[in-house]
Amino acid sequence: MTTCVFVQIRCKPGTTYRVAEEITLKEIHSELYSTSGDFDLLMKLYIPADADVGKFINDQLLDIDGIERSLTTLTFKAF
């Protein structure tokens, strides 16, 4: 069983494509999109049910240089 989460990512100016490339190389995402608005990228990922969501994101994502801020949304049920 896994937990589906969405992570919005704000990048430092001029780093969005490099950040997206580094995320892609880590192969932790299900989907990754460029977005408009307050955040630059939207990532969908599945986290193992036995993993701590915050620690997983901190260890696997937030070490990428160029990420300025993130916003994680947990999901509960698909309709």
PDB file of N, CA and C in Angstrom:
ATOM      1  N   MET A   1       0.846  -1.185   0.000  1.00  0.00           N
ATOM      2  CA  MET A   1       0.000   0.000   0.000  1.00  0.00           C
ATOM      3  C   MET A   1       0.887   1.242   0.000  1.00  0.00           C
ATOM      4  N   THR A   2       0.442   2.276  -0.670  1.00  0.00           N
ATOM      5  CA  THR A   2       1.194   3.524  -0.755  1.00  0.00           C
ATOM      6  C   THR A   2       0.296   4.705  -0.439  1.00  0.00           C
ATOM      7  N   THR A   3       0.916   5.825  -0.144  1.00  0.00           N
ATOM      8  CA  THR A   3       0.212   7.075   0.081  1.00  0.00           C
ATOM      9  C   THR A   3       0.485   8.003  -1.089  1.00  0.00           C
ATOM     10  N   CYS A   4      -0.572   8.481  -1.733  1.00  0.00           N
ATOM     11  CA  CYS A   4      -0.415   9.416  -2.840  1.00  0.00           C
ATOM     12  C   CYS A   4      -0.346  10.830  -2.276  1.00  0.00           C
ATOM     13  N   VAL A   5       0.690  11.561  -2.648  1.00  0.00           N
ATOM     14  CA  VAL A   5       0.819  12.953  -2.236  1.00  0.00           C
ATOM     15  C   VAL A   5       1.139  13.811  -3.453  1.00  0.00           C
ATOM     16  N   PHE A   6       0.752  15.069  -3.353  1.00  0.00           N
ATOM     17  CA  PHE A   6       1.098  16.059  -4.360  1.00  0.00           C
ATOM     18  C   PHE A   6       2.014  17.076  -3.692  1.00  0.00           C
ATOM     19  N   VAL A   7       3.084  17.430  -4.367  1.00  0.00           N
ATOM     20  CA  VAL A   7       4.021  18.409  -3.828  1.00  0.00           C
ATOM     21  C   VAL A   7       4.156  19.542  -4.835  1.00  0.00           C
ATOM     22  N   GLN A   8       3.827  20.756  -4.390  1.00  0.00           N
ATOM     23  CA  GLN A   8       4.067  21.942  -5.203  1.00  0.00           C
ATOM     24  C   GLN A   8       5.433  22.482  -4.823  1.00  0.00           C
ATOM     25  N   ILE A   9       6.192  22.888  -5.809  1.00  0.00           N
ATOM     26  CA  ILE A   9       7.578  23.297  -5.581  1.00  0.00           C
ATOM     27  C   ILE A   9       7.814  24.684  -6.156  1.00  0.00           C
ATOM     28  N   ARG A  10       8.331  25.574  -5.334  1.00  0.00           N
ATOM     29  CA  ARG A  10       8.761  26.894  -5.801  1.00  0.00           C
ATOM     30  C   ARG A  10      10.277  26.842  -5.938  1.00  0.00           C
ATOM     31  N   CYS A  11      10.762  27.238  -7.089  1.00  0.00           N
ATOM     32  CA  CYS A  11      12.201  27.210  -7.365  1.00  0.00           C
ATOM     33  C   CYS A  11      12.779  28.625  -7.323  1.00  0.00           C
ATOM     34  N   LYS A  12      14.063  28.704  -7.034  1.00  0.00           N
ATOM     35  CA  LYS A  12      14.749  29.988  -7.141  1.00  0.00           C
ATOM     36  C   LYS A  12      14.712  30.400  -8.615  1.00  0.00           C
ATOM     37  N   PRO A  13      14.619  31.701  -8.884  1.00  0.00           N
ATOM     38  CA  PRO A  13      14.544  32.153 -10.273  1.00  0.00           C
ATOM     39  C   PRO A  13      15.654  31.552 -11.144  1.00  0.00           C
ATOM     40  N   GLY A  14      15.255  31.067 -12.308  1.00  0.00           N
ATOM     41  CA  GLY A  14      16.207  30.526 -13.267  1.00  0.00           C
ATOM     42  C   GLY A  14      16.628  29.084 -13.029  1.00  0.00           C
ATOM     43  N   THR A  15      16.030  28.399 -12.036  1.00  0.00           N
ATOM     44  CA  THR A  15      16.471  27.031 -11.732  1.00  0.00           C
ATOM     45  C   THR A  15      15.410  25.964 -11.996  1.00  0.00           C
ATOM     46  N   THR A  16      14.242  26.347 -12.462  1.00  0.00           N
ATOM     47  CA  THR A  16      13.133  25.399 -12.575  1.00  0.00           C
ATOM     48  C   THR A  16      13.474  24.193 -13.446  1.00  0.00           C
ATOM     49  N   TYR A  17      14.061  24.412 -14.604  1.00  0.00           N
ATOM     50  CA  TYR A  17      14.354  23.278 -15.490  1.00  0.00           C
ATOM     51  C   TYR A  17      15.429  22.368 -14.911  1.00  0.00           C
ATOM     52  N   ARG A  18      16.402  22.933 -14.238  1.00  0.00           N
ATOM     53  CA  ARG A  18      17.442  22.114 -13.603  1.00  0.00           C
ATOM     54  C   ARG A  18      16.857  21.308 -12.451  1.00  0.00           C
ATOM     55  N   VAL A  19      15.993  21.946 -11.644  1.00  0.00           N
ATOM     56  CA  VAL A  19      15.332  21.243 -10.545  1.00  0.00           C
ATOM     57  C   VAL A  19      14.477  20.098 -11.098  1.00  0.00           C
ATOM     58  N   ALA A  20      13.708  20.363 -12.134  1.00  0.00           N
ATOM     59  CA  ALA A  20      12.870  19.324 -12.751  1.00  0.00           C
ATOM     60  C   ALA A  20      13.722  18.164 -13.258  1.00  0.00           C
ATOM     61  N   GLU A  21      14.859  18.469 -13.854  1.00  0.00           N
ATOM     62  CA  GLU A  21      15.748  17.420 -14.347  1.00  0.00           C
ATOM     63  C   GLU A  21      16.288  16.567 -13.199  1.00  0.00           C
ATOM     64  N   GLU A  22      16.664  17.204 -12.095  1.00  0.00           N
ATOM     65  CA  GLU A  22      17.176  16.458 -10.944  1.00  0.00           C
ATOM     66  C   GLU A  22      16.090  15.577 -10.323  1.00  0.00           C
ATOM     67  N   ILE A  23      14.860  16.085 -10.266  1.00  0.00           N
ATOM     68  CA  ILE A  23      13.758  15.264  -9.769  1.00  0.00           C
ATOM     69  C   ILE A  23      13.567  14.051 -10.665  1.00  0.00           C
ATOM     70  N   THR A  24      13.591  14.280 -11.971  1.00  0.00           N
ATOM     71  CA  THR A  24      13.427  13.192 -12.929  1.00  0.00           C
ATOM     72  C   THR A  24      14.501  12.127 -12.760  1.00  0.00           C
ATOM     73  N   LEU A  25      15.737  12.539 -12.537  1.00  0.00           N
ATOM     74  CA  LEU A  25      16.835  11.578 -12.362  1.00  0.00           C
ATOM     75  C   LEU A  25      16.687  10.748 -11.095  1.00  0.00           C
ATOM     76  N   LYS A  26      16.037  11.290 -10.074  1.00  0.00           N
ATOM     77  CA  LYS A  26      15.839  10.544  -8.820  1.00  0.00           C
ATOM     78  C   LYS A  26      14.761   9.466  -8.953  1.00  0.00           C
ATOM     79  N   GLU A  27      13.897   9.599  -9.976  1.00  0.00           N
ATOM     80  CA  GLU A  27      12.835   8.623 -10.245  1.00  0.00           C
ATOM     81  C   GLU A  27      11.944   8.369  -9.028  1.00  0.00           C
ATOM     82  N   ILE A  28      11.565   9.434  -8.325  1.00  0.00           N
ATOM     83  CA  ILE A  28      10.685   9.287  -7.167  1.00  0.00           C
ATOM     84  C   ILE A  28       9.253   9.702  -7.481  1.00  0.00           C
ATOM     85  N   HIS A  29       9.025  10.297  -8.627  1.00  0.00           N
ATOM     86  CA  HIS A  29       7.718  10.847  -8.960  1.00  0.00           C
ATOM     87  C   HIS A  29       6.920   9.933  -9.875  1.00  0.00           C
ATOM     88  N   SER A  30       5.618  10.124  -9.829  1.00  0.00           N
ATOM     89  CA  SER A  30       4.724   9.474 -10.771  1.00  0.00           C
ATOM     90  C   SER A  30       4.475  10.409 -11.952  1.00  0.00           C
ATOM     91  N   GLU A  31       4.249  11.687 -11.617  1.00  0.00           N
ATOM     92  CA  GLU A  31       4.019  12.714 -12.632  1.00  0.00           C
ATOM     93  C   GLU A  31       4.683  14.004 -12.165  1.00  0.00           C
ATOM     94  N   LEU A  32       5.151  14.806 -13.127  1.00  0.00           N
ATOM     95  CA  LEU A  32       5.789  16.085 -12.819  1.00  0.00           C
ATOM     96  C   LEU A  32       5.375  17.090 -13.884  1.00  0.00           C
ATOM     97  N   TYR A  33       4.848  18.236 -13.426  1.00  0.00           N
ATOM     98  CA  TYR A  33       4.342  19.250 -14.337  1.00  0.00           C
ATOM     99  C   TYR A  33       4.941  20.609 -14.019  1.00  0.00           C
ATOM    100  N   SER A  34       5.120  21.424 -15.046  1.00  0.00           N
ATOM    101  CA  SER A  34       5.421  22.837 -14.902  1.00  0.00           C
ATOM    102  C   SER A  34       4.076  23.535 -14.718  1.00  0.00           C
ATOM    103  N   THR A  35       4.020  24.493 -13.787  1.00  0.00           N
ATOM    104  CA  THR A  35       2.749  25.152 -13.496  1.00  0.00           C
ATOM    105  C   THR A  35       2.911  26.673 -13.471  1.00  0.00           C
ATOM    106  N   SER A  36       1.776  27.359 -13.542  1.00  0.00           N
ATOM    107  CA  SER A  36       1.763  28.810 -13.371  1.00  0.00           C
ATOM    108  C   SER A  36       1.289  29.111 -11.957  1.00  0.00           C
ATOM    109  N   GLY A  37       1.464  30.335 -11.527  1.00  0.00           N
ATOM    110  CA  GLY A  37       0.993  30.724 -10.207  1.00  0.00           C
ATOM    111  C   GLY A  37       2.118  30.833  -9.195  1.00  0.00           C
ATOM    112  N   ASP A  38       1.796  30.550  -7.937  1.00  0.00           N
ATOM    113  CA  ASP A  38       2.755  30.726  -6.851  1.00  0.00           C
ATOM    114  C   ASP A  38       3.865  29.678  -6.842  1.00  0.00           C
ATOM    115  N   PHE A  39       3.637  28.541  -7.489  1.00  0.00           N
ATOM    116  CA  PHE A  39       4.636  27.480  -7.523  1.00  0.00           C
ATOM    117  C   PHE A  39       5.010  27.174  -8.963  1.00  0.00           C
ATOM    118  N   ASP A  40       6.211  26.625  -9.149  1.00  0.00           N
ATOM    119  CA  ASP A  40       6.735  26.377 -10.491  1.00  0.00           C
ATOM    120  C   ASP A  40       6.507  24.961 -10.985  1.00  0.00           C
ATOM    121  N   LEU A  41       6.482  24.004 -10.067  1.00  0.00           N
ATOM    122  CA  LEU A  41       6.338  22.600 -10.429  1.00  0.00           C
ATOM    123  C   LEU A  41       5.278  21.941  -9.549  1.00  0.00           C
ATOM    124  N   LEU A  42       4.613  20.939 -10.105  1.00  0.00           N
ATOM    125  CA  LEU A  42       3.670  20.117  -9.355  1.00  0.00           C
ATOM    126  C   LEU A  42       4.067  18.666  -9.577  1.00  0.00           C
ATOM    127  N   MET A  43       4.301  17.971  -8.484  1.00  0.00           N
ATOM    128  CA  MET A  43       4.752  16.591  -8.559  1.00  0.00           C
ATOM    129  C   MET A  43       3.755  15.688  -7.849  1.00  0.00           C
ATOM    130  N   LYS A  44       3.428  14.582  -8.476  1.00  0.00           N
ATOM    131  CA  LYS A  44       2.606  13.551  -7.852  1.00  0.00           C
ATOM    132  C   LYS A  44       3.535  12.383  -7.559  1.00  0.00           C
ATOM    133  N   LEU A  45       3.478  11.877  -6.340  1.00  0.00           N
ATOM    134  CA  LEU A  45       4.294  10.721  -6.011  1.00  0.00           C
ATOM    135  C   LEU A  45       3.584   9.810  -5.043  1.00  0.00           C
ATOM    136  N   TYR A  46       4.030   8.565  -5.020  1.00  0.00           N
ATOM    137  CA  TYR A  46       3.478   7.558  -4.126  1.00  0.00           C
ATOM    138  C   TYR A  46       4.558   7.184  -3.123  1.00  0.00           C
ATOM    139  N   ILE A  47       4.227   7.336  -1.851  1.00  0.00           N
ATOM    140  CA  ILE A  47       5.176   7.076  -0.778  1.00  0.00           C
ATOM    141  C   ILE A  47       4.776   5.759  -0.114  1.00  0.00           C
ATOM    142  N   PRO A  48       5.737   4.873   0.142  1.00  0.00           N
ATOM    143  CA  PRO A  48       5.408   3.608   0.806  1.00  0.00           C
ATOM    144  C   PRO A  48       4.630   3.864   2.104  1.00  0.00           C
ATOM    145  N   ALA A  49       3.626   3.036   2.366  1.00  0.00           N
ATOM    146  CA  ALA A  49       2.744   3.230   3.523  1.00  0.00           C
ATOM    147  C   ALA A  49       3.501   3.238   4.842  1.00  0.00           C
ATOM    148  N   ASP A  50       4.599   2.514   4.916  1.00  0.00           N
ATOM    149  CA  ASP A  50       5.355   2.439   6.170  1.00  0.00           C
ATOM    150  C   ASP A  50       6.367   3.584   6.316  1.00  0.00           C
ATOM    151  N   ALA A  51       6.454   4.459   5.329  1.00  0.00           N
ATOM    152  CA  ALA A  51       7.417   5.572   5.371  1.00  0.00           C
ATOM    153  C   ALA A  51       6.759   6.813   5.973  1.00  0.00           C
ATOM    154  N   ASP A  52       7.555   7.615   6.656  1.00  0.00           N
ATOM    155  CA  ASP A  52       7.104   8.905   7.173  1.00  0.00           C
ATOM    156  C   ASP A  52       7.110   9.902   6.011  1.00  0.00           C
ATOM    157  N   VAL A  53       5.970  10.491   5.705  1.00  0.00           N
ATOM    158  CA  VAL A  53       5.828  11.374   4.546  1.00  0.00           C
ATOM    159  C   VAL A  53       6.800  12.541   4.616  1.00  0.00           C
ATOM    160  N   GLY A  54       6.846  13.229   5.747  1.00  0.00           N
ATOM    161  CA  GLY A  54       7.726  14.383   5.881  1.00  0.00           C
ATOM    162  C   GLY A  54       9.187  14.041   5.723  1.00  0.00           C
ATOM    163  N   LYS A  55       9.602  12.939   6.344  1.00  0.00           N
ATOM    164  CA  LYS A  55      11.005  12.518   6.244  1.00  0.00           C
ATOM    165  C   LYS A  55      11.339  12.091   4.819  1.00  0.00           C
ATOM    166  N   PHE A  56      10.419  11.370   4.172  1.00  0.00           N
ATOM    167  CA  PHE A  56      10.646  10.931   2.801  1.00  0.00           C
ATOM    168  C   PHE A  56      10.868  12.127   1.881  1.00  0.00           C
ATOM    169  N   ILE A  57       9.986  13.119   1.980  1.00  0.00           N
ATOM    170  CA  ILE A  57      10.112  14.302   1.131  1.00  0.00           C
ATOM    171  C   ILE A  57      11.381  15.077   1.467  1.00  0.00           C
ATOM    172  N   ASN A  58      11.659  15.221   2.750  1.00  0.00           N
ATOM    173  CA  ASN A  58      12.873  15.924   3.165  1.00  0.00           C
ATOM    174  C   ASN A  58      14.129  15.227   2.633  1.00  0.00           C
ATOM    175  N   ASP A  59      14.187  13.923   2.772  1.00  0.00           N
ATOM    176  CA  ASP A  59      15.383  13.165   2.374  1.00  0.00           C
ATOM    177  C   ASP A  59      15.515  12.991   0.870  1.00  0.00           C
ATOM    178  N   GLN A  60      14.391  12.840   0.164  1.00  0.00           N
ATOM    179  CA  GLN A  60      14.441  12.517  -1.258  1.00  0.00           C
ATOM    180  C   GLN A  60      14.290  13.717  -2.193  1.00  0.00           C
ATOM    181  N   LEU A  61      13.728  14.812  -1.683  1.00  0.00           N
ATOM    182  CA  LEU A  61      13.419  15.933  -2.569  1.00  0.00           C
ATOM    183  C   LEU A  61      14.097  17.234  -2.167  1.00  0.00           C
ATOM    184  N   LEU A  62      14.015  17.576  -0.913  1.00  0.00           N
ATOM    185  CA  LEU A  62      14.416  18.916  -0.497  1.00  0.00           C
ATOM    186  C   LEU A  62      15.913  19.138  -0.430  1.00  0.00           C
ATOM    187  N   ASP A  63      16.693  18.111  -0.760  1.00  0.00           N
ATOM    188  CA  ASP A  63      18.142  18.294  -0.847  1.00  0.00           C
ATOM    189  C   ASP A  63      18.566  18.818  -2.221  1.00  0.00           C
ATOM    190  N   ILE A  64      17.611  18.988  -3.124  1.00  0.00           N
ATOM    191  CA  ILE A  64      17.917  19.488  -4.463  1.00  0.00           C
ATOM    192  C   ILE A  64      18.145  20.997  -4.395  1.00  0.00           C
ATOM    193  N   ASP A  65      19.297  21.418  -4.858  1.00  0.00           N
ATOM    194  CA  ASP A  65      19.636  22.837  -4.865  1.00  0.00           C
ATOM    195  C   ASP A  65      18.725  23.583  -5.836  1.00  0.00           C
ATOM    196  N   GLY A  66      18.168  24.677  -5.397  1.00  0.00           N
ATOM    197  CA  GLY A  66      17.288  25.483  -6.238  1.00  0.00           C
ATOM    198  C   GLY A  66      15.849  25.461  -5.753  1.00  0.00           C
ATOM    199  N   ILE A  67      15.509  24.512  -4.878  1.00  0.00           N
ATOM    200  CA  ILE A  67      14.163  24.492  -4.323  1.00  0.00           C
ATOM    201  C   ILE A  67      14.089  25.520  -3.210  1.00  0.00           C
ATOM    202  N   GLU A  68      13.161  26.435  -3.357  1.00  0.00           N
ATOM    203  CA  GLU A  68      13.001  27.518  -2.390  1.00  0.00           C
ATOM    204  C   GLU A  68      11.937  27.194  -1.350  1.00  0.00           C
ATOM    205  N   ARG A  69      10.871  26.516  -1.780  1.00  0.00           N
ATOM    206  CA  ARG A  69       9.748  26.220  -0.886  1.00  0.00           C
ATOM    207  C   ARG A  69       8.947  25.076  -1.464  1.00  0.00           C
ATOM    208  N   SER A  70       8.283  24.327  -0.598  1.00  0.00           N
ATOM    209  CA  SER A  70       7.385  23.274  -1.078  1.00  0.00           C
ATOM    210  C   SER A  70       6.101  23.276  -0.269  1.00  0.00           C
ATOM    211  N   LEU A  71       5.061  22.735  -0.863  1.00  0.00           N
ATOM    212  CA  LEU A  71       3.766  22.599  -0.205  1.00  0.00           C
ATOM    213  C   LEU A  71       3.253  21.201  -0.522  1.00  0.00           C
ATOM    214  N   THR A  72       3.090  20.386   0.507  1.00  0.00           N
ATOM    215  CA  THR A  72       2.674  18.998   0.329  1.00  0.00           C
ATOM    216  C   THR A  72       1.195  18.847   0.668  1.00  0.00           C
ATOM    217  N   THR A  73       0.462  18.168  -0.213  1.00  0.00           N
ATOM    218  CA  THR A  73      -0.941  17.870   0.008  1.00  0.00           C
ATOM    219  C   THR A  73      -1.110  16.359   0.067  1.00  0.00           C
ATOM    220  N   LEU A  74      -1.606  15.874   1.203  1.00  0.00           N
ATOM    221  CA  LEU A  74      -1.869  14.439   1.362  1.00  0.00           C
ATOM    222  C   LEU A  74      -3.233  14.120   0.767  1.00  0.00           C
ATOM    223  N   THR A  75      -3.378  12.929   0.225  1.00  0.00           N
ATOM    224  CA  THR A  75      -4.667  12.492  -0.306  1.00  0.00           C
ATOM    225  C   THR A  75      -5.234  11.397   0.595  1.00  0.00           C
ATOM    226  N   PHE A  76      -6.561  11.275   0.589  1.00  0.00           N
ATOM    227  CA  PHE A  76      -7.204  10.306   1.446  1.00  0.00           C
ATOM    228  C   PHE A  76      -8.032   9.287   0.671  1.00  0.00           C
ATOM    229  N   LYS A  77      -8.786   9.730  -0.326  1.00  0.00           N
ATOM    230  CA  LYS A  77      -9.662   8.814  -1.051  1.00  0.00           C
ATOM    231  C   LYS A  77      -9.884   9.335  -2.466  1.00  0.00           C
ATOM    232  N   ALA A  78      -9.823   8.424  -3.437  1.00  0.00           N
ATOM    233  CA  ALA A  78     -10.105   8.795  -4.821  1.00  0.00           C
ATOM    234  C   ALA A  78     -11.594   8.613  -5.100  1.00  0.00           C
ATOM    235  N   PHE A  79     -12.160   9.524  -5.838  1.00  0.00           N
ATOM    236  CA  PHE A  79     -13.590   9.430  -6.194  1.00  0.00           C
ATOM    237  C   PHE A  79     -13.739   9.174  -7.664  1.00  0.00           C
TER     238      PHE A  79
END
